[in-house]
Amino acid sequence: MKVLSLNIRGIQDRPKHAKLWSLIRVEGVVMCFFQKTKCSMLFDDILKSLWGVTNFDWMARSFVGQSGGILCLWKKRWWR
């Protein structure tokens, strides 16, 4: 199982999405952890552009004060 953990420094930057999508595909990542998302709300279109598939699930905590927020994405079929 391959796990990716990155300090993303803001997840809403579209150019980052293409790089992350490529990294996730090439390396065959099953689970991702992103720190410092700097996002109060996450939307499905943002997450789909990161993960590139629809068969995933996620959990997140928004940023509060100086904490940057955290996001976890994983492939559903891997855990079944």
PDB file of N, CA and C in Angstrom:
ATOM      1  N   MET A   1       0.850  -1.175   0.000  1.00  0.00           N
ATOM      2  CA  MET A   1       0.000   0.000   0.000  1.00  0.00           C
ATOM      3  C   MET A   1       0.894   1.236   0.000  1.00  0.00           C
ATOM      4  N   LYS A   2       0.612   2.164  -0.899  1.00  0.00           N
ATOM      5  CA  LYS A   2       1.371   3.407  -0.969  1.00  0.00           C
ATOM      6  C   LYS A   2       0.560   4.544  -0.371  1.00  0.00           C
ATOM      7  N   VAL A   3       1.206   5.288   0.531  1.00  0.00           N
ATOM      8  CA  VAL A   3       0.588   6.409   1.217  1.00  0.00           C
ATOM      9  C   VAL A   3       1.388   7.664   0.886  1.00  0.00           C
ATOM     10  N   LEU A   4       0.686   8.753   0.617  1.00  0.00           N
ATOM     11  CA  LEU A   4       1.307  10.036   0.311  1.00  0.00           C
ATOM     12  C   LEU A   4       0.916  11.032   1.385  1.00  0.00           C
ATOM     13  N   SER A   5       1.892  11.742   1.925  1.00  0.00           N
ATOM     14  CA  SER A   5       1.632  12.779   2.919  1.00  0.00           C
ATOM     15  C   SER A   5       2.386  14.036   2.508  1.00  0.00           C
ATOM     16  N   LEU A   6       1.659  15.141   2.351  1.00  0.00           N
ATOM     17  CA  LEU A   6       2.264  16.391   1.887  1.00  0.00           C
ATOM     18  C   LEU A   6       1.750  17.592   2.661  1.00  0.00           C
ATOM     19  N   ASN A   7       2.628  18.562   2.865  1.00  0.00           N
ATOM     20  CA  ASN A   7       2.218  19.874   3.322  1.00  0.00           C
ATOM     21  C   ASN A   7       1.842  20.635   2.063  1.00  0.00           C
ATOM     22  N   ILE A   8       0.571  20.779   1.806  1.00  0.00           N
ATOM     23  CA  ILE A   8       0.069  21.277   0.527  1.00  0.00           C
ATOM     24  C   ILE A   8       0.097  22.802   0.418  1.00  0.00           C
ATOM     25  N   ARG A   9       0.047  23.514   1.536  1.00  0.00           N
ATOM     26  CA  ARG A   9       0.071  24.977   1.577  1.00  0.00           C
ATOM     27  C   ARG A   9      -1.005  25.612   0.696  1.00  0.00           C
ATOM     28  N   GLY A  10      -2.207  25.123   0.848  1.00  0.00           N
ATOM     29  CA  GLY A  10      -3.349  25.662   0.094  1.00  0.00           C
ATOM     30  C   GLY A  10      -3.791  24.707  -0.994  1.00  0.00           C
ATOM     31  N   ILE A  11      -4.970  24.140  -0.844  1.00  0.00           N
ATOM     32  CA  ILE A  11      -5.422  23.082  -1.748  1.00  0.00           C
ATOM     33  C   ILE A  11      -6.227  23.595  -2.934  1.00  0.00           C
ATOM     34  N   GLN A  12      -6.623  24.851  -2.928  1.00  0.00           N
ATOM     35  CA  GLN A  12      -7.483  25.357  -3.985  1.00  0.00           C
ATOM     36  C   GLN A  12      -6.705  25.884  -5.198  1.00  0.00           C
ATOM     37  N   ASP A  13      -5.423  25.708  -5.235  1.00  0.00           N
ATOM     38  CA  ASP A  13      -4.581  26.146  -6.351  1.00  0.00           C
ATOM     39  C   ASP A  13      -4.659  25.122  -7.479  1.00  0.00           C
ATOM     40  N   ARG A  14      -5.309  25.456  -8.590  1.00  0.00           N
ATOM     41  CA  ARG A  14      -5.540  24.513  -9.699  1.00  0.00           C
ATOM     42  C   ARG A  14      -4.254  23.938 -10.303  1.00  0.00           C
ATOM     43  N   PRO A  15      -3.180  24.713 -10.494  1.00  0.00           N
ATOM     44  CA  PRO A  15      -1.946  24.108 -11.027  1.00  0.00           C
ATOM     45  C   PRO A  15      -1.397  22.978 -10.148  1.00  0.00           C
ATOM     46  N   LYS A  16      -1.616  23.053  -8.851  1.00  0.00           N
ATOM     47  CA  LYS A  16      -1.182  21.976  -7.955  1.00  0.00           C
ATOM     48  C   LYS A  16      -1.966  20.697  -8.218  1.00  0.00           C
ATOM     49  N   HIS A  17      -3.220  20.828  -8.605  1.00  0.00           N
ATOM     50  CA  HIS A  17      -4.074  19.660  -8.831  1.00  0.00           C
ATOM     51  C   HIS A  17      -3.499  18.747  -9.908  1.00  0.00           C
ATOM     52  N   ALA A  18      -3.045  19.323 -11.010  1.00  0.00           N
ATOM     53  CA  ALA A  18      -2.488  18.515 -12.102  1.00  0.00           C
ATOM     54  C   ALA A  18      -1.238  17.767 -11.654  1.00  0.00           C
ATOM     55  N   LYS A  19      -0.386  18.424 -10.909  1.00  0.00           N
ATOM     56  CA  LYS A  19       0.844  17.778 -10.415  1.00  0.00           C
ATOM     57  C   LYS A  19       0.515  16.658  -9.433  1.00  0.00           C
ATOM     58  N   LEU A  20      -0.418  16.920  -8.530  1.00  0.00           N
ATOM     59  CA  LEU A  20      -0.808  15.911  -7.550  1.00  0.00           C
ATOM     60  C   LEU A  20      -1.498  14.731  -8.220  1.00  0.00           C
ATOM     61  N   TRP A  21      -2.382  15.016  -9.167  1.00  0.00           N
ATOM     62  CA  TRP A  21      -3.079  13.948  -9.885  1.00  0.00           C
ATOM     63  C   TRP A  21      -2.075  13.046 -10.574  1.00  0.00           C
ATOM     64  N   SER A  22      -1.082  13.632 -11.217  1.00  0.00           N
ATOM     65  CA  SER A  22      -0.042  12.867 -11.900  1.00  0.00           C
ATOM     66  C   SER A  22       0.758  12.021 -10.906  1.00  0.00           C
ATOM     67  N   LEU A  23       1.145  12.606  -9.794  1.00  0.00           N
ATOM     68  CA  LEU A  23       1.906  11.880  -8.767  1.00  0.00           C
ATOM     69  C   LEU A  23       1.107  10.700  -8.214  1.00  0.00           C
ATOM     70  N   ILE A  24      -0.159  10.920  -7.933  1.00  0.00           N
ATOM     71  CA  ILE A  24      -1.024   9.869  -7.396  1.00  0.00           C
ATOM     72  C   ILE A  24      -1.167   8.729  -8.409  1.00  0.00           C
ATOM     73  N   ARG A  25      -1.365   9.056  -9.683  1.00  0.00           N
ATOM     74  CA  ARG A  25      -1.504   8.046 -10.737  1.00  0.00           C
ATOM     75  C   ARG A  25      -0.211   7.253 -10.953  1.00  0.00           C
ATOM     76  N   VAL A  26       0.897   7.953 -11.143  1.00  0.00           N
ATOM     77  CA  VAL A  26       2.181   7.307 -11.452  1.00  0.00           C
ATOM     78  C   VAL A  26       2.630   6.388 -10.321  1.00  0.00           C
ATOM     79  N   GLU A  27       2.467   6.835  -9.091  1.00  0.00           N
ATOM     80  CA  GLU A  27       2.943   6.066  -7.937  1.00  0.00           C
ATOM     81  C   GLU A  27       1.933   5.043  -7.437  1.00  0.00           C
ATOM     82  N   GLY A  28       0.706   5.080  -7.909  1.00  0.00           N
ATOM     83  CA  GLY A  28      -0.315   4.133  -7.463  1.00  0.00           C
ATOM     84  C   GLY A  28      -0.695   4.321  -6.006  1.00  0.00           C
ATOM     85  N   VAL A  29      -0.856   5.568  -5.607  1.00  0.00           N
ATOM     86  CA  VAL A  29      -1.160   5.910  -4.217  1.00  0.00           C
ATOM     87  C   VAL A  29      -2.573   5.455  -3.852  1.00  0.00           C
ATOM     88  N   VAL A  30      -2.713   4.870  -2.667  1.00  0.00           N
ATOM     89  CA  VAL A  30      -3.993   4.374  -2.173  1.00  0.00           C
ATOM     90  C   VAL A  30      -4.600   5.333  -1.155  1.00  0.00           C
ATOM     91  N   MET A  31      -3.749   6.036  -0.395  1.00  0.00           N
ATOM     92  CA  MET A  31      -4.219   6.948   0.638  1.00  0.00           C
ATOM     93  C   MET A  31      -3.343   8.193   0.647  1.00  0.00           C
ATOM     94  N   CYS A  32      -3.983   9.366   0.789  1.00  0.00           N
ATOM     95  CA  CYS A  32      -3.261  10.640   0.828  1.00  0.00           C
ATOM     96  C   CYS A  32      -3.632  11.422   2.083  1.00  0.00           C
ATOM     97  N   PHE A  33      -2.640  12.063   2.650  1.00  0.00           N
ATOM     98  CA  PHE A  33      -2.840  12.999   3.755  1.00  0.00           C
ATOM     99  C   PHE A  33      -2.277  14.343   3.320  1.00  0.00           C
ATOM    100  N   PHE A  34      -3.097  15.378   3.378  1.00  0.00           N
ATOM    101  CA  PHE A  34      -2.646  16.721   3.029  1.00  0.00           C
ATOM    102  C   PHE A  34      -2.791  17.620   4.252  1.00  0.00           C
ATOM    103  N   GLN A  35      -1.685  18.221   4.646  1.00  0.00           N
ATOM    104  CA  GLN A  35      -1.689  19.151   5.766  1.00  0.00           C
ATOM    105  C   GLN A  35      -1.678  20.575   5.234  1.00  0.00           C
ATOM    106  N   LYS A  36      -2.139  21.498   6.069  1.00  0.00           N
ATOM    107  CA  LYS A  36      -2.211  22.922   5.749  1.00  0.00           C
ATOM    108  C   LYS A  36      -2.998  23.179   4.473  1.00  0.00           C
ATOM    109  N   THR A  37      -4.210  22.646   4.425  1.00  0.00           N
ATOM    110  CA  THR A  37      -5.068  22.849   3.254  1.00  0.00           C
ATOM    111  C   THR A  37      -5.525  24.295   3.124  1.00  0.00           C
ATOM    112  N   LYS A  38      -5.574  25.027   4.232  1.00  0.00           N
ATOM    113  CA  LYS A  38      -6.018  26.423   4.254  1.00  0.00           C
ATOM    114  C   LYS A  38      -7.380  26.581   3.598  1.00  0.00           C
ATOM    115  N   CYS A  39      -8.263  25.648   3.867  1.00  0.00           N
ATOM    116  CA  CYS A  39      -9.577  25.646   3.249  1.00  0.00           C
ATOM    117  C   CYS A  39     -10.633  25.429   4.322  1.00  0.00           C
ATOM    118  N   SER A  40     -11.630  26.304   4.348  1.00  0.00           N
ATOM    119  CA  SER A  40     -12.687  26.155   5.343  1.00  0.00           C
ATOM    120  C   SER A  40     -13.746  25.165   4.872  1.00  0.00           C
ATOM    121  N   MET A  41     -13.876  25.009   3.536  1.00  0.00           N
ATOM    122  CA  MET A  41     -14.836  24.062   2.972  1.00  0.00           C
ATOM    123  C   MET A  41     -14.190  23.373   1.779  1.00  0.00           C
ATOM    124  N   LEU A  42     -14.447  22.086   1.645  1.00  0.00           N
ATOM    125  CA  LEU A  42     -13.955  21.335   0.486  1.00  0.00           C
ATOM    126  C   LEU A  42     -15.147  20.890  -0.340  1.00  0.00           C
ATOM    127  N   PHE A  43     -15.017  20.949  -1.641  1.00  0.00           N
ATOM    128  CA  PHE A  43     -16.095  20.590  -2.539  1.00  0.00           C
ATOM    129  C   PHE A  43     -15.703  19.367  -3.346  1.00  0.00           C
ATOM    130  N   ASP A  44     -16.698  18.569  -3.743  1.00  0.00           N
ATOM    131  CA  ASP A  44     -16.441  17.341  -4.489  1.00  0.00           C
ATOM    132  C   ASP A  44     -15.633  17.572  -5.763  1.00  0.00           C
ATOM    133  N   ASP A  45     -15.876  18.691  -6.461  1.00  0.00           N
ATOM    134  CA  ASP A  45     -15.132  18.929  -7.712  1.00  0.00           C
ATOM    135  C   ASP A  45     -13.644  19.137  -7.445  1.00  0.00           C
ATOM    136  N   ILE A  46     -13.304  19.782  -6.340  1.00  0.00           N
ATOM    137  CA  ILE A  46     -11.896  19.953  -5.962  1.00  0.00           C
ATOM    138  C   ILE A  46     -11.282  18.602  -5.658  1.00  0.00           C
ATOM    139  N   LEU A  47     -11.991  17.785  -4.895  1.00  0.00           N
ATOM    140  CA  LEU A  47     -11.464  16.474  -4.503  1.00  0.00           C
ATOM    141  C   LEU A  47     -11.356  15.535  -5.692  1.00  0.00           C
ATOM    142  N   LYS A  48     -12.320  15.557  -6.597  1.00  0.00           N
ATOM    143  CA  LYS A  48     -12.263  14.712  -7.791  1.00  0.00           C
ATOM    144  C   LYS A  48     -11.108  15.122  -8.693  1.00  0.00           C
ATOM    145  N   SER A  49     -10.831  16.420  -8.770  1.00  0.00           N
ATOM    146  CA  SER A  49      -9.704  16.856  -9.601  1.00  0.00           C
ATOM    147  C   SER A  49      -8.372  16.443  -8.988  1.00  0.00           C
ATOM    148  N   LEU A  50      -8.318  16.291  -7.677  1.00  0.00           N
ATOM    149  CA  LEU A  50      -7.100  15.806  -7.017  1.00  0.00           C
ATOM    150  C   LEU A  50      -6.938  14.303  -7.181  1.00  0.00           C
ATOM    151  N   TRP A  51      -8.000  13.579  -6.922  1.00  0.00           N
ATOM    152  CA  TRP A  51      -7.920  12.117  -6.886  1.00  0.00           C
ATOM    153  C   TRP A  51      -8.064  11.489  -8.262  1.00  0.00           C
ATOM    154  N   GLY A  52      -8.878  12.104  -9.119  1.00  0.00           N
ATOM    155  CA  GLY A  52      -9.014  11.640 -10.491  1.00  0.00           C
ATOM    156  C   GLY A  52      -9.980  10.495 -10.692  1.00  0.00           C
ATOM    157  N   VAL A  53     -10.567   9.969  -9.654  1.00  0.00           N
ATOM    158  CA  VAL A  53     -11.551   8.894  -9.756  1.00  0.00           C
ATOM    159  C   VAL A  53     -12.729   9.225  -8.864  1.00  0.00           C
ATOM    160  N   THR A  54     -13.819   8.526  -9.062  1.00  0.00           N
ATOM    161  CA  THR A  54     -14.986   8.776  -8.223  1.00  0.00           C
ATOM    162  C   THR A  54     -15.111   7.758  -7.093  1.00  0.00           C
ATOM    163  N   ASN A  55     -14.316   6.716  -7.140  1.00  0.00           N
ATOM    164  CA  ASN A  55     -14.400   5.666  -6.129  1.00  0.00           C
ATOM    165  C   ASN A  55     -13.457   5.966  -4.964  1.00  0.00           C
ATOM    166  N   PHE A  56     -13.727   7.059  -4.261  1.00  0.00           N
ATOM    167  CA  PHE A  56     -12.899   7.439  -3.124  1.00  0.00           C
ATOM    168  C   PHE A  56     -13.777   7.982  -2.008  1.00  0.00           C
ATOM    169  N   ASP A  57     -13.203   8.070  -0.847  1.00  0.00           N
ATOM    170  CA  ASP A  57     -13.877   8.682   0.288  1.00  0.00           C
ATOM    171  C   ASP A  57     -12.885   9.637   0.932  1.00  0.00           C
ATOM    172  N   TRP A  58     -13.363  10.494   1.816  1.00  0.00           N
ATOM    173  CA  TRP A  58     -12.477  11.478   2.417  1.00  0.00           C
ATOM    174  C   TRP A  58     -12.998  11.965   3.755  1.00  0.00           C
ATOM    175  N   MET A  59     -12.082  12.521   4.524  1.00  0.00           N
ATOM    176  CA  MET A  59     -12.398  13.188   5.789  1.00  0.00           C
ATOM    177  C   MET A  59     -11.519  14.425   5.861  1.00  0.00           C
ATOM    178  N   ALA A  60     -12.018  15.478   6.489  1.00  0.00           N
ATOM    179  CA  ALA A  60     -11.233  16.708   6.589  1.00  0.00           C
ATOM    180  C   ALA A  60     -11.568  17.461   7.865  1.00  0.00           C
ATOM    181  N   ARG A  61     -10.620  18.260   8.286  1.00  0.00           N
ATOM    182  CA  ARG A  61     -10.810  19.219   9.373  1.00  0.00           C
ATOM    183  C   ARG A  61     -10.393  20.575   8.839  1.00  0.00           C
ATOM    184  N   SER A  62     -11.277  21.546   8.958  1.00  0.00           N
ATOM    185  CA  SER A  62     -11.000  22.890   8.467  1.00  0.00           C
ATOM    186  C   SER A  62      -9.935  23.570   9.308  1.00  0.00           C
ATOM    187  N   PHE A  63      -9.346  24.591   8.728  1.00  0.00           N
ATOM    188  CA  PHE A  63      -8.358  25.342   9.490  1.00  0.00           C
ATOM    189  C   PHE A  63      -9.055  26.171  10.553  1.00  0.00           C
ATOM    190  N   VAL A  64      -8.384  26.348  11.693  1.00  0.00           N
ATOM    191  CA  VAL A  64      -8.882  27.176  12.787  1.00  0.00           C
ATOM    192  C   VAL A  64      -7.684  27.940  13.330  1.00  0.00           C
ATOM    193  N   GLY A  65      -7.774  29.267  13.305  1.00  0.00           N
ATOM    194  CA  GLY A  65      -6.660  30.077  13.789  1.00  0.00           C
ATOM    195  C   GLY A  65      -5.390  29.791  13.006  1.00  0.00           C
ATOM    196  N   GLN A  66      -4.331  29.391  13.709  1.00  0.00           N
ATOM    197  CA  GLN A  66      -3.046  29.129  13.069  1.00  0.00           C
ATOM    198  C   GLN A  66      -2.926  27.716  12.499  1.00  0.00           C
ATOM    199  N   SER A  67      -3.840  26.817  12.862  1.00  0.00           N
ATOM    200  CA  SER A  67      -3.774  25.470  12.289  1.00  0.00           C
ATOM    201  C   SER A  67      -4.223  25.548  10.833  1.00  0.00           C
ATOM    202  N   GLY A  68      -3.588  24.785   9.971  1.00  0.00           N
ATOM    203  CA  GLY A  68      -3.830  24.906   8.539  1.00  0.00           C
ATOM    204  C   GLY A  68      -4.904  24.003   7.983  1.00  0.00           C
ATOM    205  N   GLY A  69      -5.428  23.082   8.768  1.00  0.00           N
ATOM    206  CA  GLY A  69      -6.415  22.127   8.276  1.00  0.00           C
ATOM    207  C   GLY A  69      -5.753  20.869   7.746  1.00  0.00           C
ATOM    208  N   ILE A  70      -6.520  19.794   7.648  1.00  0.00           N
ATOM    209  CA  ILE A  70      -5.993  18.508   7.191  1.00  0.00           C
ATOM    210  C   ILE A  70      -7.051  17.800   6.354  1.00  0.00           C
ATOM    211  N   LEU A  71      -6.595  17.040   5.363  1.00  0.00           N
ATOM    212  CA  LEU A  71      -7.472  16.290   4.481  1.00  0.00           C
ATOM    213  C   LEU A  71      -6.902  14.895   4.290  1.00  0.00           C
ATOM    214  N   CYS A  72      -7.762  13.898   4.344  1.00  0.00           N
ATOM    215  CA  CYS A  72      -7.376  12.517   4.089  1.00  0.00           C
ATOM    216  C   CYS A  72      -8.282  11.966   2.991  1.00  0.00           C
ATOM    217  N   LEU A  73      -7.677  11.414   1.929  1.00  0.00           N
ATOM    218  CA  LEU A  73      -8.398  10.790   0.816  1.00  0.00           C
ATOM    219  C   LEU A  73      -7.935   9.348   0.694  1.00  0.00           C
ATOM    220  N   TRP A  74      -8.851   8.425   0.338  1.00  0.00           N
ATOM    221  CA  TRP A  74      -8.450   7.043   0.141  1.00  0.00           C
ATOM    222  C   TRP A  74      -9.356   6.357  -0.859  1.00  0.00           C
ATOM    223  N   LYS A  75      -8.825   5.327  -1.500  1.00  0.00           N
ATOM    224  CA  LYS A  75      -9.597   4.519  -2.442  1.00  0.00           C
ATOM    225  C   LYS A  75     -10.501   3.594  -1.656  1.00  0.00           C
ATOM    226  N   LYS A  76     -11.796   3.601  -1.966  1.00  0.00           N
ATOM    227  CA  LYS A  76     -12.755   2.763  -1.254  1.00  0.00           C
ATOM    228  C   LYS A  76     -12.498   1.270  -1.461  1.00  0.00           C
ATOM    229  N   ARG A  77     -12.254   0.864  -2.664  1.00  0.00           N
ATOM    230  CA  ARG A  77     -12.126  -0.561  -2.961  1.00  0.00           C
ATOM    231  C   ARG A  77     -10.928  -1.206  -2.268  1.00  0.00           C
ATOM    232  N   TRP A  78      -9.949  -0.418  -1.899  1.00  0.00           N
ATOM    233  CA  TRP A  78      -8.763  -0.965  -1.239  1.00  0.00           C
ATOM    234  C   TRP A  78      -9.127  -1.598   0.110  1.00  0.00           C
ATOM    235  N   TRP A  79     -10.100  -1.031   0.793  1.00  0.00           N
ATOM    236  CA  TRP A  79     -10.435  -1.470   2.157  1.00  0.00           C
ATOM    237  C   TRP A  79     -11.486  -2.550   2.200  1.00  0.00           C
ATOM    238  N   ARG A  80     -12.023  -2.947   1.078  1.00  0.00           N
ATOM    239  CA  ARG A  80     -13.089  -3.964   1.078  1.00  0.00           C
ATOM    240  C   ARG A  80     -12.531  -5.337   0.961  1.00  0.00           C
TER     241      ARG A  80
END
